[in-house]
Amino acid sequence: MWKKLEVLDLSQNDIGEGAAKAIGCNANWVFLKKLDLSSNKIRDEGAKGIAKNKTWIHLEELNLADNKIGRRGAAAIGGNTTWKNLKILSLENNAFKDTGAIVIVKKKAWTYLEELYLY
């Protein structure tokens, strides 16, 4: 379903951890370039589910701002090796503090990253 989907904006939809995990399990969106899940409630478990996706190899923009993501969620996002084309990552207004930010900024696989928002 939606095999040619390139942009998905699900911001401000009260999406929780379970729905975020289900989104992360979607292997059909191989052409997905932009995913906006900002202003939801995906927390750590949802972020970990998103980070597990191995098919979004074309992903260029990921917005997970304002989702109550903590240190474990940040570590999962920072551990993703699939998103090698990522150019913009928005993680502002979350709850991962210093330890999560350190994991994110040490990420070396995102060689095309141009914009990183952590405020």
C-alpha atoms as a PDB file:
ATOM      1  CA  MET A   1       0.000   0.000   0.000  1.00  0.00           C
ATOM      2  CA  TRP A   2       1.267   3.467  -0.914  1.00  0.00           C
ATOM      3  CA  LYS A   3       4.490   2.078  -2.354  1.00  0.00           C
ATOM      4  CA  LYS A   4       5.403   5.389  -4.015  1.00  0.00           C
ATOM      5  CA  LEU A   5       4.792   7.534  -0.920  1.00  0.00           C
ATOM      6  CA  GLU A   6       7.507  10.184  -0.544  1.00  0.00           C
ATOM      7  CA  VAL A   7       6.084  12.591   2.074  1.00  0.00           C
ATOM      8  CA  LEU A   8       4.086  11.686   5.161  1.00  0.00           C
ATOM      9  CA  ASP A   9       2.970  14.366   7.627  1.00  0.00           C
ATOM     10  CA  LEU A  10       1.265  12.989  10.720  1.00  0.00           C
ATOM     11  CA  SER A  11       2.113  15.891  12.998  1.00  0.00           C
ATOM     12  CA  GLN A  12      -0.265  16.939  15.780  1.00  0.00           C
ATOM     13  CA  ASN A  13      -2.340  13.759  15.715  1.00  0.00           C
ATOM     14  CA  ASP A  14      -1.942  12.507  19.297  1.00  0.00           C
ATOM     15  CA  ILE A  15       0.012   9.499  18.001  1.00  0.00           C
ATOM     16  CA  GLY A  16       1.348   7.348  20.822  1.00  0.00           C
ATOM     17  CA  GLU A  17       4.046   4.736  21.215  1.00  0.00           C
ATOM     18  CA  GLY A  18       2.064   1.859  19.703  1.00  0.00           C
ATOM     19  CA  ALA A  19       1.133   3.725  16.532  1.00  0.00           C
ATOM     20  CA  ALA A  20       4.699   5.009  16.147  1.00  0.00           C
ATOM     21  CA  LYS A  21       6.007   1.454  16.386  1.00  0.00           C
ATOM     22  CA  ALA A  22       3.509   0.379  13.706  1.00  0.00           C
ATOM     23  CA  ILE A  23       4.659   3.216  11.454  1.00  0.00           C
ATOM     24  CA  GLY A  24       8.265   2.142  12.008  1.00  0.00           C
ATOM     25  CA  CYS A  25       7.389  -1.430  10.983  1.00  0.00           C
ATOM     26  CA  ASN A  26       6.125  -0.304   7.575  1.00  0.00           C
ATOM     27  CA  ALA A  27       8.369  -1.829   4.930  1.00  0.00           C
ATOM     28  CA  ASN A  28       6.322  -0.607   1.949  1.00  0.00           C
ATOM     29  CA  TRP A  29       7.397   3.032   1.961  1.00  0.00           C
ATOM     30  CA  VAL A  30      10.776   2.453   0.331  1.00  0.00           C
ATOM     31  CA  PHE A  31      10.671   5.854  -1.385  1.00  0.00           C
ATOM     32  CA  LEU A  32       9.819   7.840   1.753  1.00  0.00           C
ATOM     33  CA  LYS A  33      11.855  11.043   1.817  1.00  0.00           C
ATOM     34  CA  LYS A  34      10.122  13.121   4.490  1.00  0.00           C
ATOM     35  CA  LEU A  35       8.414  11.971   7.684  1.00  0.00           C
ATOM     36  CA  ASP A  36       6.886  14.449  10.126  1.00  0.00           C
ATOM     37  CA  LEU A  37       5.667  13.032  13.428  1.00  0.00           C
ATOM     38  CA  SER A  38       6.155  16.225  15.411  1.00  0.00           C
ATOM     39  CA  SER A  39       3.881  17.225  18.287  1.00  0.00           C
ATOM     40  CA  ASN A  40       2.663  13.756  19.162  1.00  0.00           C
ATOM     41  CA  LYS A  41       3.329  11.465  22.135  1.00  0.00           C
ATOM     42  CA  ILE A  42       5.612   8.798  20.728  1.00  0.00           C
ATOM     43  CA  ARG A  43       8.052   8.818  23.700  1.00  0.00           C
ATOM     44  CA  ASP A  44      10.993   6.386  23.910  1.00  0.00           C
ATOM     45  CA  GLU A  45       9.264   3.214  22.749  1.00  0.00           C
ATOM     46  CA  GLY A  46       7.798   4.924  19.700  1.00  0.00           C
ATOM     47  CA  ALA A  47      11.158   6.470  18.814  1.00  0.00           C
ATOM     48  CA  LYS A  48      12.781   3.055  19.131  1.00  0.00           C
ATOM     49  CA  GLY A  49      10.145   1.628  16.780  1.00  0.00           C
ATOM     50  CA  ILE A  50      10.791   4.361  14.204  1.00  0.00           C
ATOM     51  CA  ALA A  51      14.555   3.878  14.504  1.00  0.00           C
ATOM     52  CA  LYS A  52      14.286   0.147  13.772  1.00  0.00           C
ATOM     53  CA  ASN A  53      13.026   0.750  10.241  1.00  0.00           C
ATOM     54  CA  LYS A  54      15.491  -0.645   7.698  1.00  0.00           C
ATOM     55  CA  THR A  55      13.643   0.215   4.465  1.00  0.00           C
ATOM     56  CA  TRP A  56      13.602   4.029   4.531  1.00  0.00           C
ATOM     57  CA  ILE A  57      16.920   4.314   2.734  1.00  0.00           C
ATOM     58  CA  HIS A  58      15.846   7.489   0.906  1.00  0.00           C
ATOM     59  CA  LEU A  59      14.749   9.356   4.041  1.00  0.00           C
ATOM     60  CA  GLU A  60      16.057  12.925   3.908  1.00  0.00           C
ATOM     61  CA  GLU A  61      13.927  14.706   6.524  1.00  0.00           C
ATOM     62  CA  LEU A  62      12.743  13.404   9.883  1.00  0.00           C
ATOM     63  CA  ASN A  63      10.828  15.581  12.319  1.00  0.00           C
ATOM     64  CA  LEU A  64      10.291  14.091  15.781  1.00  0.00           C
ATOM     65  CA  ALA A  65      10.103  17.398  17.643  1.00  0.00           C
ATOM     66  CA  ASP A  66       7.903  17.747  20.722  1.00  0.00           C
ATOM     67  CA  ASN A  67       7.337  14.043  21.459  1.00  0.00           C
ATOM     68  CA  LYS A  68       8.658  13.497  24.999  1.00  0.00           C
ATOM     69  CA  ILE A  69      11.495  11.342  23.662  1.00  0.00           C
ATOM     70  CA  GLY A  70      13.995  10.482  26.390  1.00  0.00           C
ATOM     71  CA  ARG A  71      17.534   9.195  26.527  1.00  0.00           C
ATOM     72  CA  ARG A  72      16.666   5.664  25.313  1.00  0.00           C
ATOM     73  CA  GLY A  73      14.720   6.970  22.331  1.00  0.00           C
ATOM     74  CA  ALA A  74      17.545   9.325  21.403  1.00  0.00           C
ATOM     75  CA  ALA A  75      20.015   6.446  21.637  1.00  0.00           C
ATOM     76  CA  ALA A  76      17.847   4.366  19.294  1.00  0.00           C
ATOM     77  CA  ILE A  77      17.602   7.188  16.763  1.00  0.00           C
ATOM     78  CA  GLY A  78      21.338   7.790  17.027  1.00  0.00           C
ATOM     79  CA  GLY A  79      21.951   4.093  16.432  1.00  0.00           C
ATOM     80  CA  ASN A  80      20.089   3.958  13.131  1.00  0.00           C
ATOM     81  CA  THR A  81      22.385   3.085  10.215  1.00  0.00           C
ATOM     82  CA  THR A  82      19.736   2.988   7.474  1.00  0.00           C
ATOM     83  CA  TRP A  83      19.104   6.728   7.109  1.00  0.00           C
ATOM     84  CA  LYS A  84      22.342   7.510   5.314  1.00  0.00           C
ATOM     85  CA  ASN A  85      20.672  10.191   3.161  1.00  0.00           C
ATOM     86  CA  LEU A  86      19.285  12.122   6.124  1.00  0.00           C
ATOM     87  CA  LYS A  87      19.715  15.875   5.618  1.00  0.00           C
ATOM     88  CA  ILE A  88      17.401  17.356   8.262  1.00  0.00           C
ATOM     89  CA  LEU A  89      16.728  15.953  11.724  1.00  0.00           C
ATOM     90  CA  SER A  90      14.444  17.823  14.122  1.00  0.00           C
ATOM     91  CA  LEU A  91      14.437  16.598  17.703  1.00  0.00           C
ATOM     92  CA  GLU A  92      13.794  19.840  19.547  1.00  0.00           C
ATOM     93  CA  ASN A  93      11.609  20.045  22.634  1.00  0.00           C
ATOM     94  CA  ASN A  94      12.099  16.470  23.815  1.00  0.00           C
ATOM     95  CA  ALA A  95      13.371  15.082  27.119  1.00  0.00           C
ATOM     96  CA  PHE A  96      16.663  13.340  26.318  1.00  0.00           C
ATOM     97  CA  LYS A  97      18.947  15.966  27.872  1.00  0.00           C
ATOM     98  CA  ASP A  98      22.752  15.795  27.614  1.00  0.00           C
ATOM     99  CA  THR A  99      23.230  12.038  27.285  1.00  0.00           C
ATOM    100  CA  GLY A 100      20.773  11.731  24.407  1.00  0.00           C
ATOM    101  CA  ALA A 101      22.191  14.766  22.645  1.00  0.00           C
ATOM    102  CA  ILE A 102      25.704  13.323  22.875  1.00  0.00           C
ATOM    103  CA  VAL A 103      24.576  10.106  21.179  1.00  0.00           C
ATOM    104  CA  ILE A 104      22.953  12.085  18.368  1.00  0.00           C
ATOM    105  CA  VAL A 105      25.871  14.431  17.685  1.00  0.00           C
ATOM    106  CA  LYS A 106      28.395  11.578  17.627  1.00  0.00           C
ATOM    107  CA  LYS A 107      26.505   9.856  14.811  1.00  0.00           C
ATOM    108  CA  LYS A 108      28.875   9.317  11.885  1.00  0.00           C
ATOM    109  CA  ALA A 109      26.670   7.437   9.401  1.00  0.00           C
ATOM    110  CA  TRP A 110      24.654  10.555   8.561  1.00  0.00           C
ATOM    111  CA  THR A 111      27.257  12.068   6.263  1.00  0.00           C
ATOM    112  CA  TYR A 112      24.708  14.229   4.378  1.00  0.00           C
ATOM    113  CA  LEU A 113      23.180  15.806   7.495  1.00  0.00           C
ATOM    114  CA  GLU A 114      22.853  19.554   6.921  1.00  0.00           C
ATOM    115  CA  GLU A 115      20.446  20.608   9.677  1.00  0.00           C
ATOM    116  CA  LEU A 116      20.149  19.265  13.222  1.00  0.00           C
ATOM    117  CA  TYR A 117      17.703  20.781  15.683  1.00  0.00           C
ATOM    118  CA  LEU A 118      18.125  19.839  19.349  1.00  0.00           C
ATOM    119  CA  TYR A 119      17.014  22.962  21.268  1.00  0.00           C
END
